[in-house]
C-alpha atoms as a PDB file:
ATOM      1  CA  MET A   1      86.589 119.983  86.789  1.00  0.00           C
ATOM      2  CA  ASN A   2      89.079 120.421  83.953  1.00  0.00           C
ATOM      3  CA  ASN A   3      91.900 118.057  83.061  1.00  0.00           C
ATOM      4  CA  LEU A   4      94.543 120.098  84.931  1.00  0.00           C
ATOM      5  CA  GLY A   5      92.418 120.097  88.072  1.00  0.00           C
ATOM      6  CA  ASP A   6      92.069 116.318  87.857  1.00  0.00           C
ATOM      7  CA  LEU A   7      95.831 115.921  87.450  1.00  0.00           C
ATOM      8  CA  ILE A   8      96.550 118.096  90.470  1.00  0.00           C
ATOM      9  CA  LYS A   9      93.906 116.405  92.613  1.00  0.00           C
ATOM     10  CA  ASP A  10      95.192 112.902  91.785  1.00  0.00           C
ATOM     11  CA  SER A  11      98.815 113.892  92.419  1.00  0.00           C
ATOM     12  CA  VAL A  12      98.095 115.559  95.756  1.00  0.00           C
ATOM     13  CA  GLU A  13      96.037 112.559  96.901  1.00  0.00           C
ATOM     14  CA  SER A  14      98.944 110.257  96.012  1.00  0.00           C
ATOM     15  CA  LEU A  15     101.388 112.437  97.974  1.00  0.00           C
ATOM     16  CA  LYS A  16      99.046 112.538 100.977  1.00  0.00           C
ATOM     17  CA  GLY A  17      98.975 108.745 100.967  1.00  0.00           C
ATOM     18  CA  MET A  18     102.775 108.609 101.243  1.00  0.00           C
ATOM     19  CA  VAL A  19     103.035 111.169 104.063  1.00  0.00           C
ATOM     20  CA  ASP A  20     101.714 109.527 107.209  1.00  0.00           C
ATOM     21  CA  VAL A  21     102.481 110.038 110.896  1.00  0.00           C
ATOM     22  CA  SER A  22     103.848 106.485 111.050  1.00  0.00           C
ATOM     23  CA  ASN A  23     106.484 107.614 108.545  1.00  0.00           C
ATOM     24  CA  VAL A  24     107.568 110.462 110.839  1.00  0.00           C
ATOM     25  CA  VAL A  25     107.543 108.571 114.135  1.00  0.00           C
ATOM     26  CA  GLY A  26     108.485 105.019 113.259  1.00  0.00           C
ATOM     27  CA  GLU A  27     107.535 101.743 114.855  1.00  0.00           C
ATOM     28  CA  ALA A  28     109.144 101.068 118.246  1.00  0.00           C
ATOM     29  CA  VAL A  29     111.765  98.331 118.378  1.00  0.00           C
ATOM     30  CA  LYS A  30     112.285  96.515 121.689  1.00  0.00           C
ATOM     31  CA  THR A  31     115.776  95.203 122.456  1.00  0.00           C
ATOM     32  CA  ASP A  32     116.611  92.142 124.559  1.00  0.00           C
ATOM     33  CA  ASP A  33     117.181  94.265 127.670  1.00  0.00           C
ATOM     34  CA  GLY A  34     113.750  95.931 127.338  1.00  0.00           C
ATOM     35  CA  THR A  35     114.992  99.208 125.846  1.00  0.00           C
ATOM     36  CA  LEU A  36     112.625 100.778 123.318  1.00  0.00           C
ATOM     37  CA  VAL A  37     114.127 102.509 120.279  1.00  0.00           C
ATOM     38  CA  ILE A  38     111.796 104.713 118.223  1.00  0.00           C
ATOM     39  CA  PRO A  39     113.080 106.247 114.980  1.00  0.00           C
ATOM     40  CA  VAL A  40     112.085 109.832 114.133  1.00  0.00           C
ATOM     41  CA  THR A  41     112.325 111.098 110.546  1.00  0.00           C
ATOM     42  CA  GLN A  42     111.791 114.297 108.599  1.00  0.00           C
ATOM     43  CA  ILE A  43     109.588 114.260 105.534  1.00  0.00           C
ATOM     44  CA  SER A  44     109.981 116.856 102.777  1.00  0.00           C
ATOM     45  CA  CYS A  45     107.526 117.151  99.889  1.00  0.00           C
ATOM     46  CA  GLY A  46     107.663 119.025  96.632  1.00  0.00           C
ATOM     47  CA  PHE A  47     104.982 119.453  94.002  1.00  0.00           C
ATOM     48  CA  GLY A  48     104.585 121.251  90.707  1.00  0.00           C
ATOM     49  CA  ALA A  49     101.899 121.401  88.031  1.00  0.00           C
ATOM     50  CA  GLY A  50     101.112 123.338  84.906  1.00  0.00           C
ATOM     51  CA  GLY A  51      99.140 123.202  81.711  1.00  0.00           C
ATOM     52  CA  SER A  52      96.883 124.954  79.297  1.00  0.00           C
ATOM     53  CA  ASP A  53      93.574 124.278  77.628  1.00  0.00           C
ATOM     54  CA  ILE A  54      93.590 125.962  74.251  1.00  0.00           C
ATOM     55  CA  PRO A  55      90.745 125.279  71.833  1.00  0.00           C
ATOM     56  CA  SER A  56      91.924 123.763  68.576  1.00  0.00           C
ATOM     57  CA  LYS A  57      90.998 125.107  65.132  1.00  0.00           C
ATOM     58  CA  ASN A  58      88.558 122.255  64.537  1.00  0.00           C
ATOM     59  CA  GLY A  59      86.651 122.980  67.782  1.00  0.00           C
ATOM     60  CA  GLY A  60      88.145 120.244  69.974  1.00  0.00           C
ATOM     61  CA  SER A  61      90.140 120.671  73.144  1.00  0.00           C
ATOM     62  CA  GLY A  62      93.861 121.240  72.984  1.00  0.00           C
ATOM     63  CA  PHE A  63      94.699 120.432  76.574  1.00  0.00           C
ATOM     64  CA  GLY A  64      98.313 119.876  77.460  1.00  0.00           C
ATOM     65  CA  GLY A  65      99.752 119.670  80.925  1.00  0.00           C
ATOM     66  CA  GLY A  66     101.669 117.778  83.450  1.00  0.00           C
ATOM     67  CA  CYS A  67     102.488 117.553  87.113  1.00  0.00           C
ATOM     68  CA  GLY A  68     104.910 115.832  89.395  1.00  0.00           C
ATOM     69  CA  GLY A  69     105.938 115.550  92.964  1.00  0.00           C
ATOM     70  CA  GLY A  70     108.442 113.950  95.223  1.00  0.00           C
ATOM     71  CA  VAL A  71     108.895 112.908  98.813  1.00  0.00           C
ATOM     72  CA  LYS A  72     112.166 112.717 100.721  1.00  0.00           C
ATOM     73  CA  VAL A  73     112.429 110.875 104.066  1.00  0.00           C
ATOM     74  CA  SER A  74     115.522 111.603 106.192  1.00  0.00           C
ATOM     75  CA  PRO A  75     116.436 110.126 109.587  1.00  0.00           C
ATOM     76  CA  VAL A  76     116.561 112.789 112.292  1.00  0.00           C
ATOM     77  CA  SER A  77     116.952 111.028 115.622  1.00  0.00           C
ATOM     78  CA  PHE A  78     116.144 108.039 117.783  1.00  0.00           C
ATOM     79  CA  LEU A  79     114.048 108.193 120.944  1.00  0.00           C
ATOM     80  CA  VAL A  80     115.563 105.685 123.382  1.00  0.00           C
ATOM     81  CA  ILE A  81     113.521 104.651 126.424  1.00  0.00           C
ATOM     82  CA  SER A  82     115.454 102.532 128.915  1.00  0.00           C
ATOM     83  CA  GLY A  83     113.938 101.994 132.352  1.00  0.00           C
ATOM     84  CA  GLU A  84     113.198 105.439 133.753  1.00  0.00           C
ATOM     85  CA  LYS A  85     115.535 107.249 131.326  1.00  0.00           C
ATOM     86  CA  ILE A  86     114.448 108.799 128.037  1.00  0.00           C
ATOM     87  CA  ARG A  87     117.080 110.086 125.625  1.00  0.00           C
ATOM     88  CA  LEU A  88     116.894 111.648 122.183  1.00  0.00           C
ATOM     89  CA  ILE A  89     119.911 110.614 120.127  1.00  0.00           C
ATOM     90  CA  PRO A  90     120.490 112.672 116.971  1.00  0.00           C
ATOM     91  CA  ALA A  91     121.083 110.710 113.783  1.00  0.00           C
ATOM     92  CA  ASN A  92     123.042 113.460 112.054  1.00  0.00           C
ATOM     93  CA  THR A  93     126.561 112.625 111.021  1.00  0.00           C
ATOM     94  CA  GLY A  94     127.854 116.061 112.002  1.00  0.00           C
ATOM     95  CA  THR A  95     128.515 115.060 115.602  1.00  0.00           C
ATOM     96  CA  THR A  96     132.088 114.440 116.547  1.00  0.00           C
ATOM     97  CA  THR A  97     133.486 111.761 118.801  1.00  0.00           C
ATOM     98  CA  VAL A  98     133.988 114.401 121.492  1.00  0.00           C
ATOM     99  CA  ASP A  99     130.288 115.316 121.343  1.00  0.00           C
ATOM    100  CA  LYS A 100     129.299 111.677 121.750  1.00  0.00           C
ATOM    101  CA  VAL A 101     131.683 111.193 124.692  1.00  0.00           C
ATOM    102  CA  LEU A 102     130.315 114.314 126.383  1.00  0.00           C
ATOM    103  CA  ASP A 103     126.779 112.962 125.961  1.00  0.00           C
ATOM    104  CA  LEU A 104     127.815 109.770 127.749  1.00  0.00           C
ATOM    105  CA  VAL A 105     129.762 111.489 130.581  1.00  0.00           C
ATOM    106  CA  PRO A 106     126.827 111.587 133.064  1.00  0.00           C
ATOM    107  CA  GLU A 107     126.266 107.836 132.620  1.00  0.00           C
ATOM    108  CA  MET A 108     129.978 107.100 132.990  1.00  0.00           C
ATOM    109  CA  VAL A 109     130.180 109.202 136.169  1.00  0.00           C
ATOM    110  CA  ASP A 110     127.225 107.259 137.612  1.00  0.00           C
ATOM    111  CA  LYS A 111     128.840 103.913 136.742  1.00  0.00           C
ATOM    112  CA  VAL A 112     132.221 104.883 138.209  1.00  0.00           C
ATOM    113  CA  ASN A 113     130.535 106.263 141.338  1.00  0.00           C
ATOM    114  CA  ASN A 114     128.561 103.026 141.794  1.00  0.00           C
ATOM    115  CA  MET A 115     131.751 101.016 141.315  1.00  0.00           C
ATOM    116  CA  PHE A 116     133.486 102.974 144.103  1.00  0.00           C
ATOM    117  CA  LEU A 117     130.455 102.663 146.395  1.00  0.00           C
ATOM    118  CA  ASN A 118     130.322  98.894 145.807  1.00  0.00           C
ATOM    119  CA  HIS A 119     134.053  98.596 146.473  1.00  0.00           C
ATOM    120  CA  LYS A 120     133.723 100.642 149.676  1.00  0.00           C
ATOM    121  CA  ALA A 121     130.765  98.509 150.862  1.00  0.00           C
ATOM    122  CA  LYS A 122     132.691  95.271 150.263  1.00  0.00           C
ATOM    123  CA  LYS A 123     135.716  96.665 152.083  1.00  0.00           C
ATOM    124  CA  GLU A 124     133.583  97.600 155.090  1.00  0.00           C
ATOM    125  CA  GLU A 125     132.057  94.091 155.128  1.00  0.00           C
ATOM    126  CA  ASN A 126     135.523  92.530 155.194  1.00  0.00           C
ATOM    127  CA  ASP A 127     136.734  94.766 158.061  1.00  0.00           C
END
């Protein structure tokens, strides 16, 4: 294998070592109330290489080349598992307060409904 091939092989192996499934789906974190929060990320990779192997006038090798790469890890969302409910909460900052409130509306309706049912049950007990 020539020098450029060795450079590319070493660089790609290094990038492969950084990109792992545990970097995409992070380690679960358990809260005090038993809720599991699992971070989910996006990994982007870039790679470039180039070079030439030109014989020199004195018969030696005139290899010159280089390569480089980069990895970017961005948060995407959080998988939240609480009891029997599983929710995917986006981590993007483009959501507005209205969007967040609308996401919570079903939970709020359930809580308000339970509050009225509890109040009604207590009232019936007192009558």
